[in-house]
């Protein structure tokens, strides 16, 4: 990592990508027995590059935490529930992971990722969230109560990915957690919104395409984010 960092600075006047730095810190933390980065997030480390969507990432971060964009005048309070909507394959998950990775230092108690695609029924929702957060379940109490008590007044971002097949139970769980945990923020990805009070819906736009009405040089095509994504994949 040190060699990579020096080479990027010398050759390109650039820094390692956020994913690279997060992976380095995670590995280092495991080796040393406890970097804060190893304890405050379980975000997956993407194996592919993040192409384009600079403005979209900034918009999601600004909605969740306006102070994360110093140049932006802070007018509205941050969204406690932001749902990125859009059709399947539109890049909702990748965008959410990128924005959440960039916001790790804004949430002192961590950024936690819950993969919901593998959960088949609503009864599994609370257990899936508890497992991701590392909350021990007490058989004598509701799992949701255990989660709410564990979160308390912690400042934390919960990322709920692929909500569309479990909208109703997730809406109930999210609404109760937000009402009981005053500093909890939730970033959800779903084809359909959760439809609960206070939800901010944000439609993920498609990647930009080359303008068919304008002549395109090879360099112009390579700079286009859709072409870059197609080429890199």
C-alpha atoms as a PDB file:
ATOM      1  CA  UNK A   1       0.000   0.000   0.000  1.00  0.00           C
ATOM      2  CA  UNK A   2       2.831   2.434   0.852  1.00  0.00           C
ATOM      3  CA  UNK A   3       4.487   1.773  -2.517  1.00  0.00           C
ATOM      4  CA  UNK A   4       1.162   2.281  -4.282  1.00  0.00           C
ATOM      5  CA  UNK A   5       0.538   5.559  -2.438  1.00  0.00           C
ATOM      6  CA  UNK A   6       3.977   6.925  -3.314  1.00  0.00           C
ATOM      7  CA  UNK A   7       3.739   5.856  -6.943  1.00  0.00           C
ATOM      8  CA  UNK A   8       0.319   7.462  -7.405  1.00  0.00           C
ATOM      9  CA  UNK A   9       1.535  10.714  -5.892  1.00  0.00           C
ATOM     10  CA  UNK A  10       4.720  10.782  -7.966  1.00  0.00           C
ATOM     11  CA  UNK A  11       3.279   9.672 -11.295  1.00  0.00           C
ATOM     12  CA  UNK A  12      -0.296  11.001 -11.263  1.00  0.00           C
ATOM     13  CA  UNK A  13      -0.457  13.494  -8.383  1.00  0.00           C
ATOM     14  CA  UNK A  14      -3.321  11.357  -7.044  1.00  0.00           C
ATOM     15  CA  UNK A  15      -4.248   9.434  -3.913  1.00  0.00           C
ATOM     16  CA  UNK A  16      -5.441   5.828  -3.560  1.00  0.00           C
ATOM     17  CA  UNK A  17      -9.163   5.292  -4.042  1.00  0.00           C
ATOM     18  CA  UNK A  18     -11.349   5.174  -0.941  1.00  0.00           C
ATOM     19  CA  UNK A  19     -11.927   1.435  -1.460  1.00  0.00           C
ATOM     20  CA  UNK A  20      -8.170   0.786  -1.535  1.00  0.00           C
ATOM     21  CA  UNK A  21      -7.563   2.753   1.647  1.00  0.00           C
ATOM     22  CA  UNK A  22     -10.480   1.058   3.426  1.00  0.00           C
ATOM     23  CA  UNK A  23      -9.170  -2.385   2.455  1.00  0.00           C
ATOM     24  CA  UNK A  24      -5.653  -1.491   3.647  1.00  0.00           C
ATOM     25  CA  UNK A  25      -6.928  -0.227   7.001  1.00  0.00           C
ATOM     26  CA  UNK A  26      -9.164  -3.278   7.437  1.00  0.00           C
ATOM     27  CA  UNK A  27      -6.297  -5.694   6.780  1.00  0.00           C
ATOM     28  CA  UNK A  28      -3.948  -3.680   8.999  1.00  0.00           C
ATOM     29  CA  UNK A  29      -6.506  -3.632  11.782  1.00  0.00           C
ATOM     30  CA  UNK A  30      -6.907  -7.418  11.683  1.00  0.00           C
ATOM     31  CA  UNK A  31      -3.134  -7.855  11.858  1.00  0.00           C
ATOM     32  CA  UNK A  32      -2.705  -5.461  14.781  1.00  0.00           C
ATOM     33  CA  UNK A  33      -5.749  -6.713  16.645  1.00  0.00           C
ATOM     34  CA  UNK A  34      -7.970  -3.687  16.469  1.00  0.00           C
ATOM     35  CA  UNK A  35      -7.874  -0.679  14.197  1.00  0.00           C
ATOM     36  CA  UNK A  36     -11.028   1.444  14.681  1.00  0.00           C
ATOM     37  CA  UNK A  37     -11.785   0.805  11.011  1.00  0.00           C
ATOM     38  CA  UNK A  38     -11.985  -2.930  11.692  1.00  0.00           C
ATOM     39  CA  UNK A  39     -14.571  -2.365  14.410  1.00  0.00           C
ATOM     40  CA  UNK A  40     -16.893   0.272  13.015  1.00  0.00           C
ATOM     41  CA  UNK A  41     -17.876  -1.062   9.614  1.00  0.00           C
ATOM     42  CA  UNK A  42     -18.672  -4.267   7.785  1.00  0.00           C
ATOM     43  CA  UNK A  43     -19.077  -2.580   4.396  1.00  0.00           C
ATOM     44  CA  UNK A  44     -18.110  -4.957   1.597  1.00  0.00           C
ATOM     45  CA  UNK A  45     -14.940  -4.079  -0.294  1.00  0.00           C
ATOM     46  CA  UNK A  46     -15.871  -3.927  -4.002  1.00  0.00           C
ATOM     47  CA  UNK A  47     -13.649  -5.914  -6.344  1.00  0.00           C
ATOM     48  CA  UNK A  48     -14.260  -3.580  -9.286  1.00  0.00           C
ATOM     49  CA  UNK A  49     -13.613   0.112  -9.842  1.00  0.00           C
ATOM     50  CA  UNK A  50     -16.245   2.766  -9.221  1.00  0.00           C
ATOM     51  CA  UNK A  51     -16.932   4.457 -12.551  1.00  0.00           C
ATOM     52  CA  UNK A  52     -18.437   7.923 -12.850  1.00  0.00           C
ATOM     53  CA  UNK A  53     -21.294   9.089 -10.619  1.00  0.00           C
ATOM     54  CA  UNK A  54     -19.212  11.801  -8.934  1.00  0.00           C
ATOM     55  CA  UNK A  55     -22.149  14.191  -8.695  1.00  0.00           C
ATOM     56  CA  UNK A  56     -24.540  11.445  -7.622  1.00  0.00           C
ATOM     57  CA  UNK A  57     -22.229  10.290  -4.823  1.00  0.00           C
ATOM     58  CA  UNK A  58     -21.863  13.867  -3.594  1.00  0.00           C
ATOM     59  CA  UNK A  59     -25.647  14.320  -3.662  1.00  0.00           C
ATOM     60  CA  UNK A  60     -26.289  11.191  -1.559  1.00  0.00           C
ATOM     61  CA  UNK A  61     -23.606  12.200   0.950  1.00  0.00           C
ATOM     62  CA  UNK A  62     -24.994  15.723   1.163  1.00  0.00           C
ATOM     63  CA  UNK A  63     -28.516  14.431   1.870  1.00  0.00           C
ATOM     64  CA  UNK A  64     -27.291  12.127   4.637  1.00  0.00           C
ATOM     65  CA  UNK A  65     -24.850  14.613   6.123  1.00  0.00           C
ATOM     66  CA  UNK A  66     -24.820  18.163   4.713  1.00  0.00           C
ATOM     67  CA  UNK A  67     -21.647  18.936   6.693  1.00  0.00           C
ATOM     68  CA  UNK A  68     -19.798  16.325   4.603  1.00  0.00           C
ATOM     69  CA  UNK A  69     -19.715  18.882   1.766  1.00  0.00           C
ATOM     70  CA  UNK A  70     -18.017  21.984   3.223  1.00  0.00           C
ATOM     71  CA  UNK A  71     -18.631  24.057   0.118  1.00  0.00           C
ATOM     72  CA  UNK A  72     -22.364  23.396   0.315  1.00  0.00           C
ATOM     73  CA  UNK A  73     -24.452  25.820   2.328  1.00  0.00           C
ATOM     74  CA  UNK A  74     -26.227  23.766   4.973  1.00  0.00           C
ATOM     75  CA  UNK A  75     -29.924  24.620   4.831  1.00  0.00           C
ATOM     76  CA  UNK A  76     -31.888  21.427   5.435  1.00  0.00           C
ATOM     77  CA  UNK A  77     -31.253  18.923   8.236  1.00  0.00           C
ATOM     78  CA  UNK A  78     -29.795  15.575   7.170  1.00  0.00           C
ATOM     79  CA  UNK A  79     -32.154  12.844   6.023  1.00  0.00           C
ATOM     80  CA  UNK A  80     -32.512  10.149   8.669  1.00  0.00           C
ATOM     81  CA  UNK A  81     -33.901   7.776   6.049  1.00  0.00           C
ATOM     82  CA  UNK A  82     -32.694   8.067   2.468  1.00  0.00           C
ATOM     83  CA  UNK A  83     -33.885   5.478  -0.050  1.00  0.00           C
ATOM     84  CA  UNK A  84     -32.070   5.153  -3.359  1.00  0.00           C
ATOM     85  CA  UNK A  85     -34.629   3.846  -5.829  1.00  0.00           C
ATOM     86  CA  UNK A  86     -34.328   2.610  -9.384  1.00  0.00           C
ATOM     87  CA  UNK A  87     -34.702  -0.499 -11.535  1.00  0.00           C
ATOM     88  CA  UNK A  88     -32.579  -3.585 -11.059  1.00  0.00           C
ATOM     89  CA  UNK A  89     -29.045  -3.217 -12.357  1.00  0.00           C
ATOM     90  CA  UNK A  90     -29.040   0.585 -12.166  1.00  0.00           C
ATOM     91  CA  UNK A  91     -26.121   0.673  -9.723  1.00  0.00           C
ATOM     92  CA  UNK A  92     -27.999   1.451  -6.501  1.00  0.00           C
ATOM     93  CA  UNK A  93     -25.936  -0.873  -4.320  1.00  0.00           C
ATOM     94  CA  UNK A  94     -22.587   0.249  -5.701  1.00  0.00           C
ATOM     95  CA  UNK A  95     -23.519   3.899  -5.245  1.00  0.00           C
ATOM     96  CA  UNK A  96     -24.687   3.283  -1.669  1.00  0.00           C
ATOM     97  CA  UNK A  97     -21.457   1.466  -0.765  1.00  0.00           C
ATOM     98  CA  UNK A  98     -19.337   4.258  -2.236  1.00  0.00           C
ATOM     99  CA  UNK A  99     -21.226   7.019  -0.439  1.00  0.00           C
ATOM    100  CA  UNK A 100     -21.265   5.081   2.843  1.00  0.00           C
ATOM    101  CA  UNK A 101     -17.525   4.396   2.593  1.00  0.00           C
ATOM    102  CA  UNK A 102     -16.859   8.099   2.161  1.00  0.00           C
ATOM    103  CA  UNK A 103     -19.017   8.852   5.225  1.00  0.00           C
ATOM    104  CA  UNK A 104     -17.353   6.459   7.668  1.00  0.00           C
ATOM    105  CA  UNK A 105     -15.611   9.263   9.538  1.00  0.00           C
ATOM    106  CA  UNK A 106     -18.928  11.136   9.930  1.00  0.00           C
ATOM    107  CA  UNK A 107     -20.487   8.381  12.075  1.00  0.00           C
ATOM    108  CA  UNK A 108     -18.459   7.704  15.252  1.00  0.00           C
ATOM    109  CA  UNK A 109     -20.203   4.384  15.935  1.00  0.00           C
ATOM    110  CA  UNK A 110     -19.869   2.989  12.482  1.00  0.00           C
ATOM    111  CA  UNK A 111     -21.429   2.249   9.132  1.00  0.00           C
ATOM    112  CA  UNK A 112     -23.099  -1.154   8.952  1.00  0.00           C
ATOM    113  CA  UNK A 113     -24.257  -3.022   5.853  1.00  0.00           C
ATOM    114  CA  UNK A 114     -27.180  -5.467   5.790  1.00  0.00           C
ATOM    115  CA  UNK A 115     -27.584  -7.627   2.670  1.00  0.00           C
ATOM    116  CA  UNK A 116     -31.277  -8.459   2.391  1.00  0.00           C
ATOM    117  CA  UNK A 117     -31.393 -10.256  -0.961  1.00  0.00           C
ATOM    118  CA  UNK A 118     -30.830 -13.646   0.697  1.00  0.00           C
ATOM    119  CA  UNK A 119     -33.629 -13.196   3.248  1.00  0.00           C
ATOM    120  CA  UNK A 120     -36.793 -14.908   2.121  1.00  0.00           C
ATOM    121  CA  UNK A 121     -39.406 -13.802   4.658  1.00  0.00           C
ATOM    122  CA  UNK A 122     -40.240 -10.805   6.781  1.00  0.00           C
ATOM    123  CA  UNK A 123     -39.637 -12.815   9.950  1.00  0.00           C
ATOM    124  CA  UNK A 124     -35.929 -12.920   9.086  1.00  0.00           C
ATOM    125  CA  UNK A 125     -35.485  -9.152   8.737  1.00  0.00           C
ATOM    126  CA  UNK A 126     -34.802  -8.245  12.374  1.00  0.00           C
ATOM    127  CA  UNK A 127     -32.520 -11.260  12.807  1.00  0.00           C
ATOM    128  CA  UNK A 128     -30.538 -10.252   9.707  1.00  0.00           C
ATOM    129  CA  UNK A 129     -30.088  -6.715  11.012  1.00  0.00           C
ATOM    130  CA  UNK A 130     -29.091  -7.995  14.468  1.00  0.00           C
ATOM    131  CA  UNK A 131     -26.507 -10.328  12.957  1.00  0.00           C
ATOM    132  CA  UNK A 132     -24.959  -7.547  10.852  1.00  0.00           C
ATOM    133  CA  UNK A 133     -24.751  -5.245  13.885  1.00  0.00           C
ATOM    134  CA  UNK A 134     -23.385  -7.959  16.157  1.00  0.00           C
ATOM    135  CA  UNK A 135     -26.354  -7.651  18.514  1.00  0.00           C
ATOM    136  CA  UNK A 136     -26.916 -10.653  20.769  1.00  0.00           C
ATOM    137  CA  UNK A 137     -30.509 -11.842  20.706  1.00  0.00           C
ATOM    138  CA  UNK A 138     -32.302 -12.534  23.972  1.00  0.00           C
ATOM    139  CA  UNK A 139     -34.844 -15.278  23.507  1.00  0.00           C
ATOM    140  CA  UNK A 140     -37.141 -13.717  26.084  1.00  0.00           C
ATOM    141  CA  UNK A 141     -37.383 -10.401  24.212  1.00  0.00           C
ATOM    142  CA  UNK A 142     -38.270  -9.252  20.729  1.00  0.00           C
ATOM    143  CA  UNK A 143     -35.266  -9.098  18.442  1.00  0.00           C
ATOM    144  CA  UNK A 144     -36.247  -5.551  17.469  1.00  0.00           C
ATOM    145  CA  UNK A 145     -36.131  -4.486  21.114  1.00  0.00           C
ATOM    146  CA  UNK A 146     -32.632  -5.928  21.448  1.00  0.00           C
ATOM    147  CA  UNK A 147     -31.471  -3.948  18.401  1.00  0.00           C
ATOM    148  CA  UNK A 148     -33.030  -0.686  19.612  1.00  0.00           C
ATOM    149  CA  UNK A 149     -31.520  -1.056  23.084  1.00  0.00           C
ATOM    150  CA  UNK A 150     -28.086  -1.861  21.638  1.00  0.00           C
ATOM    151  CA  UNK A 151     -28.159   1.176  19.332  1.00  0.00           C
ATOM    152  CA  UNK A 152     -29.528   3.578  21.938  1.00  0.00           C
ATOM    153  CA  UNK A 153     -28.195   7.061  21.216  1.00  0.00           C
ATOM    154  CA  UNK A 154     -25.264   5.915  19.083  1.00  0.00           C
ATOM    155  CA  UNK A 155     -24.446   7.925  15.959  1.00  0.00           C
ATOM    156  CA  UNK A 156     -24.556   5.252  13.304  1.00  0.00           C
ATOM    157  CA  UNK A 157     -25.400   4.709   9.626  1.00  0.00           C
ATOM    158  CA  UNK A 158     -27.286   1.534   8.720  1.00  0.00           C
ATOM    159  CA  UNK A 159     -27.238   0.519   5.044  1.00  0.00           C
ATOM    160  CA  UNK A 160     -30.158  -1.728   4.038  1.00  0.00           C
ATOM    161  CA  UNK A 161     -29.511  -3.220   0.601  1.00  0.00           C
ATOM    162  CA  UNK A 162     -32.126  -4.760  -1.737  1.00  0.00           C
ATOM    163  CA  UNK A 163     -35.290  -3.966   0.212  1.00  0.00           C
ATOM    164  CA  UNK A 164     -37.903  -4.392  -2.528  1.00  0.00           C
ATOM    165  CA  UNK A 165     -39.099  -7.915  -1.632  1.00  0.00           C
ATOM    166  CA  UNK A 166     -39.417  -7.083   2.079  1.00  0.00           C
ATOM    167  CA  UNK A 167     -40.790  -3.536   1.996  1.00  0.00           C
ATOM    168  CA  UNK A 168     -43.551  -3.990   4.591  1.00  0.00           C
ATOM    169  CA  UNK A 169     -41.500  -5.635   7.393  1.00  0.00           C
ATOM    170  CA  UNK A 170     -38.550  -3.323   6.673  1.00  0.00           C
ATOM    171  CA  UNK A 171     -40.797  -0.271   6.846  1.00  0.00           C
ATOM    172  CA  UNK A 172     -42.036  -1.383  10.280  1.00  0.00           C
ATOM    173  CA  UNK A 173     -38.522  -2.125  11.565  1.00  0.00           C
ATOM    174  CA  UNK A 174     -37.013   1.080  10.189  1.00  0.00           C
ATOM    175  CA  UNK A 175     -39.797   3.315  11.505  1.00  0.00           C
ATOM    176  CA  UNK A 176     -39.508   1.853  15.007  1.00  0.00           C
ATOM    177  CA  UNK A 177     -35.712   2.050  15.114  1.00  0.00           C
ATOM    178  CA  UNK A 178     -35.696   5.661  13.897  1.00  0.00           C
ATOM    179  CA  UNK A 179     -38.287   6.626  16.508  1.00  0.00           C
ATOM    180  CA  UNK A 180     -36.337   4.981  19.336  1.00  0.00           C
ATOM    181  CA  UNK A 181     -32.751   5.765  18.270  1.00  0.00           C
ATOM    182  CA  UNK A 182     -32.428   9.542  17.813  1.00  0.00           C
ATOM    183  CA  UNK A 183     -29.008   9.533  16.115  1.00  0.00           C
ATOM    184  CA  UNK A 184     -29.546   6.583  13.774  1.00  0.00           C
ATOM    185  CA  UNK A 185     -29.463   7.216  10.021  1.00  0.00           C
ATOM    186  CA  UNK A 186     -30.582   4.695   7.410  1.00  0.00           C
ATOM    187  CA  UNK A 187     -29.530   4.449   3.766  1.00  0.00           C
ATOM    188  CA  UNK A 188     -31.700   1.977   1.845  1.00  0.00           C
ATOM    189  CA  UNK A 189     -31.592   0.692  -1.730  1.00  0.00           C
ATOM    190  CA  UNK A 190     -34.804  -0.581  -3.250  1.00  0.00           C
ATOM    191  CA  UNK A 191     -36.804  -0.698  -6.438  1.00  0.00           C
ATOM    192  CA  UNK A 192     -39.702   0.658  -4.381  1.00  0.00           C
ATOM    193  CA  UNK A 193     -39.678   3.182  -1.510  1.00  0.00           C
ATOM    194  CA  UNK A 194     -40.435   2.135   2.069  1.00  0.00           C
ATOM    195  CA  UNK A 195     -43.243   4.730   2.284  1.00  0.00           C
ATOM    196  CA  UNK A 196     -42.798   5.789   5.894  1.00  0.00           C
ATOM    197  CA  UNK A 197     -42.893   9.349   7.309  1.00  0.00           C
ATOM    198  CA  UNK A 198     -39.641  11.253   6.930  1.00  0.00           C
ATOM    199  CA  UNK A 199     -38.334   9.124   4.057  1.00  0.00           C
ATOM    200  CA  UNK A 200     -36.351  10.995   1.397  1.00  0.00           C
ATOM    201  CA  UNK A 201     -36.517   9.233  -1.961  1.00  0.00           C
ATOM    202  CA  UNK A 202     -33.658   9.653  -4.420  1.00  0.00           C
ATOM    203  CA  UNK A 203     -33.912   8.183  -7.910  1.00  0.00           C
ATOM    204  CA  UNK A 204     -30.622   6.771  -9.179  1.00  0.00           C
ATOM    205  CA  UNK A 205     -30.100   8.136 -12.703  1.00  0.00           C
ATOM    206  CA  UNK A 206     -28.588   5.994 -15.461  1.00  0.00           C
ATOM    207  CA  UNK A 207     -24.979   6.547 -16.484  1.00  0.00           C
ATOM    208  CA  UNK A 208     -24.526   9.249 -19.106  1.00  0.00           C
ATOM    209  CA  UNK A 209     -24.408   8.098 -22.739  1.00  0.00           C
ATOM    210  CA  UNK A 210     -22.474   9.665 -25.619  1.00  0.00           C
ATOM    211  CA  UNK A 211     -24.524  12.240 -27.508  1.00  0.00           C
ATOM    212  CA  UNK A 212     -25.553  10.548 -30.791  1.00  0.00           C
ATOM    213  CA  UNK A 213     -25.985  13.953 -32.424  1.00  0.00           C
ATOM    214  CA  UNK A 214     -22.370  14.992 -31.840  1.00  0.00           C
ATOM    215  CA  UNK A 215     -19.214  13.617 -33.489  1.00  0.00           C
ATOM    216  CA  UNK A 216     -17.192  11.596 -30.985  1.00  0.00           C
ATOM    217  CA  UNK A 217     -13.444  11.128 -30.984  1.00  0.00           C
ATOM    218  CA  UNK A 218     -11.981   8.023 -29.354  1.00  0.00           C
ATOM    219  CA  UNK A 219     -10.768  10.137 -26.434  1.00  0.00           C
ATOM    220  CA  UNK A 220     -14.247  11.585 -25.954  1.00  0.00           C
ATOM    221  CA  UNK A 221     -15.744   8.107 -25.944  1.00  0.00           C
ATOM    222  CA  UNK A 222     -13.219   6.842 -23.414  1.00  0.00           C
ATOM    223  CA  UNK A 223     -14.092   9.760 -21.121  1.00  0.00           C
ATOM    224  CA  UNK A 224     -17.804   8.868 -21.190  1.00  0.00           C
ATOM    225  CA  UNK A 225     -18.780   6.957 -18.046  1.00  0.00           C
ATOM    226  CA  UNK A 226     -21.018   4.408 -19.792  1.00  0.00           C
ATOM    227  CA  UNK A 227     -18.270   3.582 -22.292  1.00  0.00           C
ATOM    228  CA  UNK A 228     -15.700   3.402 -19.479  1.00  0.00           C
ATOM    229  CA  UNK A 229     -17.885   0.994 -17.514  1.00  0.00           C
ATOM    230  CA  UNK A 230     -18.448  -1.200 -20.570  1.00  0.00           C
ATOM    231  CA  UNK A 231     -14.761  -1.164 -21.454  1.00  0.00           C
ATOM    232  CA  UNK A 232     -13.510  -1.931 -17.926  1.00  0.00           C
ATOM    233  CA  UNK A 233     -15.966  -4.740 -17.339  1.00  0.00           C
END
